[in-house]
C-alpha atoms as a PDB file:
ATOM      1  CA  MET A   1     -25.273 -13.572  20.468  1.00  0.00           C
ATOM      2  CA  ALA A   2     -22.515 -11.610  22.164  1.00  0.00           C
ATOM      3  CA  PRO A   3     -19.465 -10.962  19.967  1.00  0.00           C
ATOM      4  CA  THR A   4     -16.467 -13.250  20.388  1.00  0.00           C
ATOM      5  CA  PRO A   5     -13.410 -11.601  21.981  1.00  0.00           C
ATOM      6  CA  LEU A   6     -10.609 -11.515  19.397  1.00  0.00           C
ATOM      7  CA  ILE A   7      -6.840 -11.081  19.494  1.00  0.00           C
ATOM      8  CA  LEU A   8      -5.169 -10.422  16.137  1.00  0.00           C
ATOM      9  CA  ASP A   9      -1.487 -11.359  15.814  1.00  0.00           C
ATOM     10  CA  VAL A  10      -0.237  -9.313  12.859  1.00  0.00           C
ATOM     11  CA  ASP A  11       2.835  -8.271  10.873  1.00  0.00           C
ATOM     12  CA  THR A  12       0.962  -5.283   9.572  1.00  0.00           C
ATOM     13  CA  GLY A  13       1.433  -4.866   5.880  1.00  0.00           C
ATOM     14  CA  VAL A  14      -1.445  -3.985   3.578  1.00  0.00           C
ATOM     15  CA  ASP A  15      -3.515  -7.166   3.892  1.00  0.00           C
ATOM     16  CA  ASP A  16      -3.008  -7.294   7.684  1.00  0.00           C
ATOM     17  CA  ALA A  17      -4.311  -3.713   7.798  1.00  0.00           C
ATOM     18  CA  LEU A  18      -7.359  -4.835   5.828  1.00  0.00           C
ATOM     19  CA  ALA A  19      -7.875  -7.657   8.327  1.00  0.00           C
ATOM     20  CA  ILE A  20      -7.715  -5.163  11.207  1.00  0.00           C
ATOM     21  CA  LEU A  21     -10.340  -2.981   9.536  1.00  0.00           C
ATOM     22  CA  TYR A  22     -12.461  -6.061   8.832  1.00  0.00           C
ATOM     23  CA  ALA A  23     -12.300  -6.993  12.522  1.00  0.00           C
ATOM     24  CA  VAL A  24     -13.324  -3.488  13.565  1.00  0.00           C
ATOM     25  CA  ALA A  25     -16.239  -3.632  11.120  1.00  0.00           C
ATOM     26  CA  SER A  26     -17.492  -7.110  12.094  1.00  0.00           C
ATOM     27  CA  PRO A  27     -20.216  -7.306  14.771  1.00  0.00           C
ATOM     28  CA  GLU A  28     -19.450 -11.007  15.327  1.00  0.00           C
ATOM     29  CA  VAL A  29     -16.164 -10.165  17.061  1.00  0.00           C
ATOM     30  CA  GLU A  30     -14.906  -7.751  19.685  1.00  0.00           C
ATOM     31  CA  LEU A  31     -11.305  -6.801  18.964  1.00  0.00           C
ATOM     32  CA  ILE A  32      -9.732  -6.744  22.422  1.00  0.00           C
ATOM     33  CA  GLY A  33      -6.046  -6.883  21.537  1.00  0.00           C
ATOM     34  CA  ALA A  34      -3.493  -6.843  18.750  1.00  0.00           C
ATOM     35  CA  THR A  35      -0.014  -8.321  18.944  1.00  0.00           C
ATOM     36  CA  THR A  36       2.710  -7.463  16.478  1.00  0.00           C
ATOM     37  CA  VAL A  37       5.494  -9.525  14.948  1.00  0.00           C
ATOM     38  CA  MET A  38       8.228  -8.861  12.406  1.00  0.00           C
ATOM     39  CA  GLY A  39       7.399 -10.153   8.945  1.00  0.00           C
ATOM     40  CA  ASN A  40       6.325  -7.998   6.012  1.00  0.00           C
ATOM     41  CA  VAL A  41       8.458  -5.232   7.550  1.00  0.00           C
ATOM     42  CA  THR A  42      10.416  -4.716  10.783  1.00  0.00           C
ATOM     43  CA  ILE A  43       8.801  -4.974  14.211  1.00  0.00           C
ATOM     44  CA  GLU A  44       9.108  -1.185  14.579  1.00  0.00           C
ATOM     45  CA  HIS A  45       7.038  -0.644  11.448  1.00  0.00           C
ATOM     46  CA  THR A  46       4.515  -3.420  12.085  1.00  0.00           C
ATOM     47  CA  THR A  47       3.857  -1.990  15.551  1.00  0.00           C
ATOM     48  CA  GLU A  48       3.586   1.614  14.315  1.00  0.00           C
ATOM     49  CA  ASN A  49       1.329   0.490  11.471  1.00  0.00           C
ATOM     50  CA  THR A  50      -0.966  -1.451  13.778  1.00  0.00           C
ATOM     51  CA  LEU A  51      -1.354   1.465  16.178  1.00  0.00           C
ATOM     52  CA  ALA A  52      -1.997   3.874  13.298  1.00  0.00           C
ATOM     53  CA  VAL A  53      -4.582   1.710  11.513  1.00  0.00           C
ATOM     54  CA  LEU A  54      -6.506   1.200  14.750  1.00  0.00           C
ATOM     55  CA  GLU A  55      -6.523   4.958  15.334  1.00  0.00           C
ATOM     56  CA  ILE A  56      -7.910   5.828  11.905  1.00  0.00           C
ATOM     57  CA  ALA A  57     -10.557   3.124  12.394  1.00  0.00           C
ATOM     58  CA  GLY A  58     -11.671   4.726  15.647  1.00  0.00           C
ATOM     59  CA  ARG A  59     -10.318   1.917  17.852  1.00  0.00           C
ATOM     60  CA  GLY A  60      -7.394   3.600  19.516  1.00  0.00           C
ATOM     61  CA  ASP A  61      -8.558   1.908  22.715  1.00  0.00           C
ATOM     62  CA  VAL A  62      -7.402  -1.553  21.574  1.00  0.00           C
ATOM     63  CA  GLU A  63      -4.300  -2.729  23.413  1.00  0.00           C
ATOM     64  CA  VAL A  64      -1.317  -3.308  21.108  1.00  0.00           C
ATOM     65  CA  ALA A  65       1.556  -5.424  22.416  1.00  0.00           C
ATOM     66  CA  ARG A  66       4.879  -5.586  20.611  1.00  0.00           C
ATOM     67  CA  GLY A  67       6.194  -9.065  19.903  1.00  0.00           C
ATOM     68  CA  ALA A  68       9.119 -10.796  18.254  1.00  0.00           C
ATOM     69  CA  ALA A  69      11.673  -8.686  16.380  1.00  0.00           C
ATOM     70  CA  LYS A  70      13.250 -11.724  14.708  1.00  0.00           C
ATOM     71  CA  PRO A  71      12.450 -15.378  13.988  1.00  0.00           C
ATOM     72  CA  LEU A  72      13.251 -18.033  16.571  1.00  0.00           C
ATOM     73  CA  ALA A  73      16.365 -19.287  14.790  1.00  0.00           C
ATOM     74  CA  LYS A  74      16.693 -17.451  11.462  1.00  0.00           C
ATOM     75  CA  GLU A  75      17.430 -13.937  10.272  1.00  0.00           C
ATOM     76  CA  HIS A  76      14.559 -11.630   9.417  1.00  0.00           C
ATOM     77  CA  GLU A  77      14.047 -10.706   5.758  1.00  0.00           C
ATOM     78  CA  SER A  78      11.162  -8.362   4.980  1.00  0.00           C
ATOM     79  CA  PHE A  79       9.166  -7.966   1.740  1.00  0.00           C
ATOM     80  CA  PRO A  80       9.103  -4.239   0.834  1.00  0.00           C
ATOM     81  CA  VAL A  81       8.459  -5.033  -2.830  1.00  0.00           C
ATOM     82  CA  VAL A  82       5.029  -6.369  -1.826  1.00  0.00           C
ATOM     83  CA  HIS A  83       3.901  -3.895   0.839  1.00  0.00           C
ATOM     84  CA  GLY A  84       6.183  -0.873   0.491  1.00  0.00           C
ATOM     85  CA  ALA A  85       9.157   0.256   2.538  1.00  0.00           C
ATOM     86  CA  ARG A  86       7.084   0.869   5.686  1.00  0.00           C
ATOM     87  CA  GLY A  87       4.478  -1.785   4.954  1.00  0.00           C
ATOM     88  CA  LEU A  88       1.442   0.298   4.004  1.00  0.00           C
ATOM     89  CA  GLY A  89       1.983   0.999   0.332  1.00  0.00           C
ATOM     90  CA  ARG A  90       1.918   4.718  -0.362  1.00  0.00           C
ATOM     91  CA  ALA A  91      -0.114   5.580   2.723  1.00  0.00           C
ATOM     92  CA  GLU A  92       1.442   8.192   5.019  1.00  0.00           C
ATOM     93  CA  LEU A  93      -0.333   8.002   8.358  1.00  0.00           C
ATOM     94  CA  PRO A  94       0.259  10.607  11.097  1.00  0.00           C
ATOM     95  CA  PRO A  95       2.341   9.572  14.108  1.00  0.00           C
ATOM     96  CA  THR A  96       0.273   7.675  16.622  1.00  0.00           C
ATOM     97  CA  ARG A  97      -0.749   9.323  19.873  1.00  0.00           C
ATOM     98  CA  ARG A  98       0.139   6.313  22.008  1.00  0.00           C
ATOM     99  CA  ALA A  99       2.764   3.615  22.416  1.00  0.00           C
ATOM    100  CA  ALA A 100       2.550  -0.139  22.565  1.00  0.00           C
ATOM    101  CA  ALA A 101       1.610  -1.764  25.862  1.00  0.00           C
ATOM    102  CA  GLY A 102       4.164  -2.566  28.513  1.00  0.00           C
ATOM    103  CA  ARG A 103       3.637  -6.323  28.295  1.00  0.00           C
ATOM    104  CA  THR A 104       4.884  -8.534  25.482  1.00  0.00           C
ATOM    105  CA  ALA A 105       2.769 -10.069  22.752  1.00  0.00           C
ATOM    106  CA  ALA A 106       3.098 -13.543  24.264  1.00  0.00           C
ATOM    107  CA  ALA A 107       2.104 -12.215  27.688  1.00  0.00           C
ATOM    108  CA  LEU A 108      -1.005 -10.550  26.270  1.00  0.00           C
ATOM    109  CA  ILE A 109      -2.044 -13.785  24.556  1.00  0.00           C
ATOM    110  CA  VAL A 110      -1.410 -16.054  27.543  1.00  0.00           C
ATOM    111  CA  GLN A 111      -2.768 -13.728  30.213  1.00  0.00           C
ATOM    112  CA  THR A 112      -5.933 -12.923  28.274  1.00  0.00           C
ATOM    113  CA  ALA A 113      -6.549 -16.614  27.591  1.00  0.00           C
ATOM    114  CA  HIS A 114      -6.263 -17.296  31.330  1.00  0.00           C
ATOM    115  CA  GLU A 115      -8.524 -14.385  32.219  1.00  0.00           C
ATOM    116  CA  ARG A 116     -11.205 -15.527  29.774  1.00  0.00           C
ATOM    117  CA  PRO A 117     -10.763 -19.302  29.364  1.00  0.00           C
ATOM    118  CA  GLY A 118     -12.674 -20.809  26.473  1.00  0.00           C
ATOM    119  CA  GLU A 119     -13.798 -17.398  25.201  1.00  0.00           C
ATOM    120  CA  VAL A 120     -10.975 -15.817  23.193  1.00  0.00           C
ATOM    121  CA  MET A 121     -10.374 -16.337  19.478  1.00  0.00           C
ATOM    122  CA  LEU A 122      -6.772 -15.880  18.294  1.00  0.00           C
ATOM    123  CA  VAL A 123      -6.076 -15.192  14.623  1.00  0.00           C
ATOM    124  CA  ALA A 124      -2.450 -15.035  13.430  1.00  0.00           C
ATOM    125  CA  THR A 125      -1.733 -13.461  10.047  1.00  0.00           C
ATOM    126  CA  GLY A 126       2.067 -13.254  10.144  1.00  0.00           C
ATOM    127  CA  PRO A 127       4.969 -15.500  11.108  1.00  0.00           C
ATOM    128  CA  LEU A 128       4.019 -17.637  14.098  1.00  0.00           C
ATOM    129  CA  THR A 129       6.846 -16.479  16.368  1.00  0.00           C
ATOM    130  CA  ASN A 130       4.590 -14.880  18.995  1.00  0.00           C
ATOM    131  CA  VAL A 131       2.260 -17.875  19.083  1.00  0.00           C
ATOM    132  CA  ALA A 132       5.197 -20.275  19.462  1.00  0.00           C
ATOM    133  CA  THR A 133       6.530 -18.159  22.322  1.00  0.00           C
ATOM    134  CA  ALA A 134       3.112 -18.102  23.980  1.00  0.00           C
ATOM    135  CA  LEU A 135       2.877 -21.897  23.651  1.00  0.00           C
ATOM    136  CA  ALA A 136       6.301 -22.312  25.236  1.00  0.00           C
ATOM    137  CA  GLU A 137       5.141 -20.189  28.166  1.00  0.00           C
ATOM    138  CA  GLU A 138       1.765 -21.941  28.412  1.00  0.00           C
ATOM    139  CA  PRO A 139       1.514 -25.400  26.787  1.00  0.00           C
ATOM    140  CA  GLU A 140      -2.197 -25.525  27.705  1.00  0.00           C
ATOM    141  CA  LEU A 141      -2.924 -22.544  25.436  1.00  0.00           C
ATOM    142  CA  PRO A 142      -4.769 -24.691  22.829  1.00  0.00           C
ATOM    143  CA  MET A 143      -7.315 -25.706  25.461  1.00  0.00           C
ATOM    144  CA  LEU A 144      -7.649 -22.162  26.840  1.00  0.00           C
ATOM    145  CA  LEU A 145      -8.561 -20.597  23.489  1.00  0.00           C
ATOM    146  CA  ALA A 146     -12.027 -20.755  21.986  1.00  0.00           C
ATOM    147  CA  ARG A 147     -10.562 -20.973  18.471  1.00  0.00           C
ATOM    148  CA  PHE A 148      -7.238 -20.456  16.713  1.00  0.00           C
ATOM    149  CA  ALA A 149      -6.878 -19.664  13.029  1.00  0.00           C
ATOM    150  CA  LEU A 150      -3.761 -18.814  11.056  1.00  0.00           C
ATOM    151  CA  MET A 151      -2.843 -17.531   7.645  1.00  0.00           C
ATOM    152  CA  GLY A 152       0.140 -19.517   6.480  1.00  0.00           C
ATOM    153  CA  GLY A 153       1.289 -22.518   4.553  1.00  0.00           C
ATOM    154  CA  ALA A 154       0.535 -24.117   1.210  1.00  0.00           C
ATOM    155  CA  TYR A 155      -0.950 -27.529   1.821  1.00  0.00           C
ATOM    156  CA  ALA A 156      -1.841 -29.077  -1.531  1.00  0.00           C
ATOM    157  CA  ARG A 157       0.190 -26.804  -3.791  1.00  0.00           C
ATOM    158  CA  GLY A 158       3.455 -24.899  -4.051  1.00  0.00           C
ATOM    159  CA  GLY A 159       4.499 -21.713  -2.333  1.00  0.00           C
ATOM    160  CA  ASN A 160       4.787 -18.025  -3.142  1.00  0.00           C
ATOM    161  CA  THR A 161       8.206 -17.267  -1.618  1.00  0.00           C
ATOM    162  CA  THR A 162       9.909 -20.383  -2.963  1.00  0.00           C
ATOM    163  CA  PRO A 163       8.353 -23.157  -5.047  1.00  0.00           C
ATOM    164  CA  ALA A 164       7.866 -25.039  -1.766  1.00  0.00           C
ATOM    165  CA  ALA A 165       6.998 -22.428   0.849  1.00  0.00           C
ATOM    166  CA  GLU A 166       4.465 -19.723   1.674  1.00  0.00           C
ATOM    167  CA  ALA A 167       5.898 -16.481   3.081  1.00  0.00           C
ATOM    168  CA  ASN A 168       4.810 -16.702   6.733  1.00  0.00           C
ATOM    169  CA  ALA A 169       5.946 -20.311   7.095  1.00  0.00           C
ATOM    170  CA  TRP A 170       9.205 -19.534   5.270  1.00  0.00           C
ATOM    171  CA  MET A 171       9.888 -16.487   7.475  1.00  0.00           C
ATOM    172  CA  ASP A 172       9.938 -18.505  10.701  1.00  0.00           C
ATOM    173  CA  PRO A 173       9.658 -22.228   9.975  1.00  0.00           C
ATOM    174  CA  ASP A 174      10.874 -23.156  13.453  1.00  0.00           C
ATOM    175  CA  ALA A 175       7.978 -21.242  14.998  1.00  0.00           C
ATOM    176  CA  ALA A 176       5.492 -22.802  12.589  1.00  0.00           C
ATOM    177  CA  GLN A 177       6.786 -26.270  13.446  1.00  0.00           C
ATOM    178  CA  ALA A 178       6.557 -25.530  17.177  1.00  0.00           C
ATOM    179  CA  VAL A 179       2.976 -24.336  16.839  1.00  0.00           C
ATOM    180  CA  PHE A 180       1.794 -27.340  14.833  1.00  0.00           C
ATOM    181  CA  ARG A 181       3.468 -29.702  17.273  1.00  0.00           C
ATOM    182  CA  GLY A 182       2.048 -27.759  20.210  1.00  0.00           C
ATOM    183  CA  PHE A 183      -1.458 -28.460  18.942  1.00  0.00           C
ATOM    184  CA  SER A 184      -0.757 -32.134  18.257  1.00  0.00           C
ATOM    185  CA  GLY A 185      -3.440 -34.460  19.543  1.00  0.00           C
ATOM    186  CA  VAL A 186      -5.810 -31.842  20.990  1.00  0.00           C
ATOM    187  CA  PRO A 187      -9.566 -32.310  20.379  1.00  0.00           C
ATOM    188  CA  GLU A 188     -10.573 -31.632  16.779  1.00  0.00           C
ATOM    189  CA  ALA A 189     -12.559 -28.513  17.688  1.00  0.00           C
ATOM    190  CA  LYS A 190      -9.392 -27.000  19.175  1.00  0.00           C
ATOM    191  CA  LEU A 191      -7.119 -27.741  16.207  1.00  0.00           C
ATOM    192  CA  PRO A 192      -5.882 -24.676  14.306  1.00  0.00           C
ATOM    193  CA  ILE A 193      -7.831 -23.642  11.239  1.00  0.00           C
ATOM    194  CA  CYS A 194      -5.098 -23.255   8.623  1.00  0.00           C
ATOM    195  CA  VAL A 195      -5.868 -20.823   5.809  1.00  0.00           C
ATOM    196  CA  GLY A 196      -3.105 -21.077   3.231  1.00  0.00           C
ATOM    197  CA  LEU A 197      -2.416 -20.257  -0.384  1.00  0.00           C
ATOM    198  CA  ASP A 198      -4.734 -23.076  -1.504  1.00  0.00           C
ATOM    199  CA  VAL A 199      -7.680 -20.795  -0.680  1.00  0.00           C
ATOM    200  CA  THR A 200      -6.341 -17.273  -0.163  1.00  0.00           C
ATOM    201  CA  GLU A 201      -5.212 -16.895  -3.764  1.00  0.00           C
ATOM    202  CA  GLN A 202      -8.800 -17.534  -4.858  1.00  0.00           C
ATOM    203  CA  THR A 203      -9.958 -14.355  -3.070  1.00  0.00           C
ATOM    204  CA  LYS A 204      -9.035 -11.192  -4.965  1.00  0.00           C
ATOM    205  CA  LEU A 205      -9.780  -7.540  -4.297  1.00  0.00           C
ATOM    206  CA  SER A 206     -10.032  -5.663  -7.592  1.00  0.00           C
ATOM    207  CA  ARG A 207      -9.585  -1.961  -8.235  1.00  0.00           C
ATOM    208  CA  LYS A 208     -13.300  -1.711  -8.982  1.00  0.00           C
ATOM    209  CA  ALA A 209     -14.217  -3.318  -5.671  1.00  0.00           C
ATOM    210  CA  LEU A 210     -11.793  -1.028  -3.830  1.00  0.00           C
ATOM    211  CA  GLU A 211     -13.371   2.016  -5.473  1.00  0.00           C
ATOM    212  CA  GLY A 212     -16.793   0.766  -4.427  1.00  0.00           C
ATOM    213  CA  ILE A 213     -15.673   0.603  -0.787  1.00  0.00           C
ATOM    214  CA  CYS A 214     -14.125   4.065  -0.818  1.00  0.00           C
ATOM    215  CA  MET A 215     -17.027   5.723  -2.644  1.00  0.00           C
ATOM    216  CA  ALA A 216     -19.270   5.108   0.370  1.00  0.00           C
ATOM    217  CA  ALA A 217     -17.594   8.174   1.932  1.00  0.00           C
ATOM    218  CA  PRO A 218     -14.397   9.148   0.084  1.00  0.00           C
ATOM    219  CA  ASP A 219     -13.300  11.943   2.407  1.00  0.00           C
ATOM    220  CA  THR A 220     -12.967   9.819   5.546  1.00  0.00           C
ATOM    221  CA  PRO A 221      -9.825   8.506   7.258  1.00  0.00           C
ATOM    222  CA  VAL A 222     -10.426   4.858   6.355  1.00  0.00           C
ATOM    223  CA  ALA A 223     -11.330   5.601   2.716  1.00  0.00           C
ATOM    224  CA  ARG A 224      -8.286   7.825   2.249  1.00  0.00           C
ATOM    225  CA  PHE A 225      -6.066   5.176   3.796  1.00  0.00           C
ATOM    226  CA  LEU A 226      -7.440   2.433   1.558  1.00  0.00           C
ATOM    227  CA  ALA A 227      -7.035   4.595  -1.546  1.00  0.00           C
ATOM    228  CA  ASP A 228      -3.370   5.215  -0.681  1.00  0.00           C
ATOM    229  CA  ALA A 229      -2.353   1.790   0.616  1.00  0.00           C
ATOM    230  CA  VAL A 230      -4.151  -0.874  -1.385  1.00  0.00           C
ATOM    231  CA  PRO A 231      -3.287   0.116  -4.995  1.00  0.00           C
ATOM    232  CA  TYR A 232       0.413  -0.486  -4.254  1.00  0.00           C
ATOM    233  CA  TYR A 233      -0.469  -4.033  -3.191  1.00  0.00           C
ATOM    234  CA  ILE A 234      -2.653  -4.558  -6.263  1.00  0.00           C
ATOM    235  CA  GLU A 235       0.157  -3.311  -8.507  1.00  0.00           C
ATOM    236  CA  PHE A 236       2.457  -5.993  -7.116  1.00  0.00           C
ATOM    237  CA  TYR A 237      -0.017  -8.671  -8.170  1.00  0.00           C
ATOM    238  CA  GLU A 238      -0.484  -7.065 -11.579  1.00  0.00           C
ATOM    239  CA  ARG A 239       3.272  -7.267 -12.126  1.00  0.00           C
ATOM    240  CA  THR A 240       3.709 -10.813 -10.864  1.00  0.00           C
ATOM    241  CA  ARG A 241       0.411 -12.590 -11.622  1.00  0.00           C
ATOM    242  CA  GLU A 242      -1.877 -12.883 -14.614  1.00  0.00           C
ATOM    243  CA  TYR A 243      -4.989 -11.668 -12.811  1.00  0.00           C
ATOM    244  CA  GLY A 244      -6.221  -8.281 -11.705  1.00  0.00           C
ATOM    245  CA  GLY A 245      -6.603  -7.578  -8.021  1.00  0.00           C
ATOM    246  CA  ALA A 246      -4.710  -8.608  -4.893  1.00  0.00           C
ATOM    247  CA  SER A 247      -5.107 -11.788  -2.874  1.00  0.00           C
ATOM    248  CA  MET A 248      -6.862 -11.268   0.444  1.00  0.00           C
ATOM    249  CA  HIS A 249      -4.704 -13.656   2.462  1.00  0.00           C
ATOM    250  CA  ASP A 250      -5.160 -12.169   5.929  1.00  0.00           C
ATOM    251  CA  PRO A 251      -8.775 -11.016   5.688  1.00  0.00           C
ATOM    252  CA  LEU A 252      -9.761 -14.541   4.627  1.00  0.00           C
ATOM    253  CA  ALA A 253      -8.078 -16.003   7.722  1.00  0.00           C
ATOM    254  CA  LEU A 254     -10.170 -13.722   9.906  1.00  0.00           C
ATOM    255  CA  GLY A 255     -13.315 -14.349   7.856  1.00  0.00           C
ATOM    256  CA  THR A 256     -12.811 -18.096   8.226  1.00  0.00           C
ATOM    257  CA  ALA A 257     -12.239 -17.813  11.970  1.00  0.00           C
ATOM    258  CA  ILE A 258     -15.553 -15.976  12.236  1.00  0.00           C
ATOM    259  CA  ASP A 259     -17.383 -18.378   9.912  1.00  0.00           C
ATOM    260  CA  PRO A 260     -15.582 -21.659   9.137  1.00  0.00           C
ATOM    261  CA  SER A 261     -18.365 -22.647   6.733  1.00  0.00           C
ATOM    262  CA  LEU A 262     -16.731 -20.347   4.162  1.00  0.00           C
ATOM    263  CA  VAL A 263     -14.077 -23.011   3.571  1.00  0.00           C
ATOM    264  CA  THR A 264     -13.831 -26.758   3.143  1.00  0.00           C
ATOM    265  CA  LEU A 265     -11.669 -28.146   5.941  1.00  0.00           C
ATOM    266  CA  THR A 266      -9.839 -31.445   6.181  1.00  0.00           C
ATOM    267  CA  THR A 267      -8.392 -32.707   9.466  1.00  0.00           C
ATOM    268  CA  THR A 268      -4.833 -33.897   9.050  1.00  0.00           C
ATOM    269  CA  ARG A 269      -1.226 -33.755  10.212  1.00  0.00           C
ATOM    270  CA  VAL A 270       1.148 -30.959   9.156  1.00  0.00           C
ATOM    271  CA  GLU A 271       4.920 -30.927   9.664  1.00  0.00           C
ATOM    272  CA  VAL A 272       7.157 -28.020   8.652  1.00  0.00           C
ATOM    273  CA  GLU A 273      10.576 -28.238   7.051  1.00  0.00           C
ATOM    274  CA  THR A 274      12.786 -25.957   9.137  1.00  0.00           C
ATOM    275  CA  ASP A 275      15.886 -26.085   6.919  1.00  0.00           C
ATOM    276  CA  GLY A 276      16.799 -27.163   3.422  1.00  0.00           C
ATOM    277  CA  GLU A 277      18.108 -25.094   0.558  1.00  0.00           C
ATOM    278  CA  TRP A 278      14.798 -25.280  -1.313  1.00  0.00           C
ATOM    279  CA  THR A 279      12.328 -26.737   1.190  1.00  0.00           C
ATOM    280  CA  ARG A 280      12.631 -24.369   4.182  1.00  0.00           C
ATOM    281  CA  GLY A 281       9.106 -23.486   5.302  1.00  0.00           C
ATOM    282  CA  GLN A 282       7.351 -26.209   3.341  1.00  0.00           C
ATOM    283  CA  THR A 283       4.182 -27.359   5.090  1.00  0.00           C
ATOM    284  CA  VAL A 284       4.301 -31.108   4.522  1.00  0.00           C
ATOM    285  CA  THR A 285       0.696 -32.257   4.782  1.00  0.00           C
ATOM    286  CA  ASP A 286      -0.615 -35.789   5.159  1.00  0.00           C
ATOM    287  CA  LEU A 287      -3.595 -35.477   2.831  1.00  0.00           C
ATOM    288  CA  GLY A 288      -3.361 -39.167   1.921  1.00  0.00           C
ATOM    289  CA  GLY A 289      -3.708 -40.438   5.479  1.00  0.00           C
ATOM    290  CA  ILE A 290      -0.294 -42.075   5.678  1.00  0.00           C
ATOM    291  CA  ARG A 291      -0.269 -41.387   9.430  1.00  0.00           C
ATOM    292  CA  HIS A 292      -2.850 -44.163   9.855  1.00  0.00           C
ATOM    293  CA  SER A 293      -0.833 -46.721   7.917  1.00  0.00           C
ATOM    294  CA  PRO A 294       1.493 -49.310   9.505  1.00  0.00           C
ATOM    295  CA  TRP A 295       4.267 -48.434   7.031  1.00  0.00           C
ATOM    296  CA  ALA A 296       4.356 -44.693   7.931  1.00  0.00           C
ATOM    297  CA  VAL A 297       7.986 -44.584   9.030  1.00  0.00           C
ATOM    298  CA  GLY A 298       8.469 -41.951  11.691  1.00  0.00           C
ATOM    299  CA  TRP A 299       5.313 -40.001  10.802  1.00  0.00           C
ATOM    300  CA  PRO A 300       3.372 -39.022  13.962  1.00  0.00           C
ATOM    301  CA  PRO A 301      -0.178 -40.397  14.009  1.00  0.00           C
ATOM    302  CA  GLU A 302      -1.891 -37.507  15.816  1.00  0.00           C
ATOM    303  CA  ASP A 303      -3.860 -34.841  13.953  1.00  0.00           C
ATOM    304  CA  ASN A 304      -2.675 -31.279  14.520  1.00  0.00           C
ATOM    305  CA  ALA A 305      -4.497 -29.133  11.956  1.00  0.00           C
ATOM    306  CA  ARG A 306      -7.681 -28.438  10.066  1.00  0.00           C
ATOM    307  CA  VAL A 307      -6.535 -27.341   6.635  1.00  0.00           C
ATOM    308  CA  ALA A 308      -8.655 -25.301   4.212  1.00  0.00           C
ATOM    309  CA  LEU A 309      -8.601 -26.752   0.700  1.00  0.00           C
ATOM    310  CA  GLY A 310     -11.685 -25.075  -0.781  1.00  0.00           C
ATOM    311  CA  VAL A 311     -13.387 -21.693  -0.338  1.00  0.00           C
ATOM    312  CA  ASP A 312     -16.594 -19.953  -1.342  1.00  0.00           C
ATOM    313  CA  ALA A 313     -14.647 -16.974  -2.642  1.00  0.00           C
ATOM    314  CA  ASP A 314     -17.680 -15.033  -3.857  1.00  0.00           C
ATOM    315  CA  ALA A 315     -19.466 -15.304  -0.507  1.00  0.00           C
ATOM    316  CA  PHE A 316     -16.367 -14.231   1.379  1.00  0.00           C
ATOM    317  CA  MET A 317     -15.563 -11.275  -0.873  1.00  0.00           C
ATOM    318  CA  GLU A 318     -19.159 -10.041  -0.751  1.00  0.00           C
ATOM    319  CA  ARG A 319     -19.100 -10.157   3.046  1.00  0.00           C
ATOM    320  CA  PHE A 320     -15.620  -8.635   3.357  1.00  0.00           C
ATOM    321  CA  THR A 321     -16.158  -5.735   0.958  1.00  0.00           C
ATOM    322  CA  GLY A 322     -19.615  -5.110   2.409  1.00  0.00           C
ATOM    323  CA  ARG A 323     -18.229  -4.772   5.920  1.00  0.00           C
ATOM    324  CA  LEU A 324     -15.485  -2.371   4.842  1.00  0.00           C
ATOM    325  CA  ARG A 325     -18.007  -0.336   2.874  1.00  0.00           C
ATOM    326  CA  GLU A 326     -20.210  -0.118   5.985  1.00  0.00           C
ATOM    327  CA  LEU A 327     -17.226   1.000   8.077  1.00  0.00           C
ATOM    328  CA  VAL A 328     -16.413   3.786   5.617  1.00  0.00           C
ATOM    329  CA  ALA A 329     -20.072   4.816   5.441  1.00  0.00           C
ATOM    330  CA  ARG A 330     -20.335   5.002   9.253  1.00  0.00           C
ATOM    331  CA  GLN A 331     -17.302   7.296   9.385  1.00  0.00           C
ATOM    332  CA  GLY A 332     -18.953   9.474   6.757  1.00  0.00           C
ATOM    333  CA  SER A 333     -22.233   9.676   8.642  1.00  0.00           C
ATOM    334  CA  ARG A 334     -20.465  10.687  11.865  1.00  0.00           C
ATOM    335  CA  ALA A 335     -18.620  13.449  10.018  1.00  0.00           C
ATOM    336  CA  THR A 336     -21.828  15.076   8.724  1.00  0.00           C
END
């Protein structure tokens, strides 16, 4: 089968960078565009990081479009403690040889979906500001895409930024709410696949696994980048969690978009708290089916999401690390 055309919407920190490399390494998809959004770091850094990671992966041909510099209605607060001041841990990549495209992130998404209706897969791994903007410009976007998957939310558990909220949903809750409502009532196959903390925190990249990827060809651009960037991210988890390794939030979203059988999905309704001292960004999820009950006061009855509540973590991690190892090995073979 021909690979599926893919647009990645990223706020490139370390795990977004890993998702980009995973996309480059995956024969099931053809990475045709990347759109950037503020999130882990500023829009300037997420755009520079995205361009640089694509260049070291040998995909400097992929169009990169700069997107939102701030949330729809909130102030931007980045997370340097997690990803480093510039977003890529201790990695120091050379300046990129090209600039972002002339069109905006939303324009790239909407125009590409129109050019290739029913073909393009969109995967968003940062705040949903660009996707919300694209939906405002083209409300028929859900029907134009082949598939939409997102990393964000915490659907049957608490958050990682506050006790209620996951980071991407917390960063721009108004955008998240607009996106979920924009997909309300579309056919089930077109509903967003929502990969949140319920499953992403079950997928962990250990130091040993990272070494195994890099050892395929240590003196290559991708291996050197991984060795510099990822340990910083792992160290954050070692300081703040009781397990070794770092959660592969964004790579799992891409892996699930490619192969939804990796996760257990439930079709439901999600609403997002846009304000609240403690509940901003909470993804309120109707897992009990209250939307079908006559006493559901004010709760909309339409489904708007397919939420991942279980994951085959071993199968995903084997596939993910194998693909990155193959990418590193290919760079090594071309260098000899």
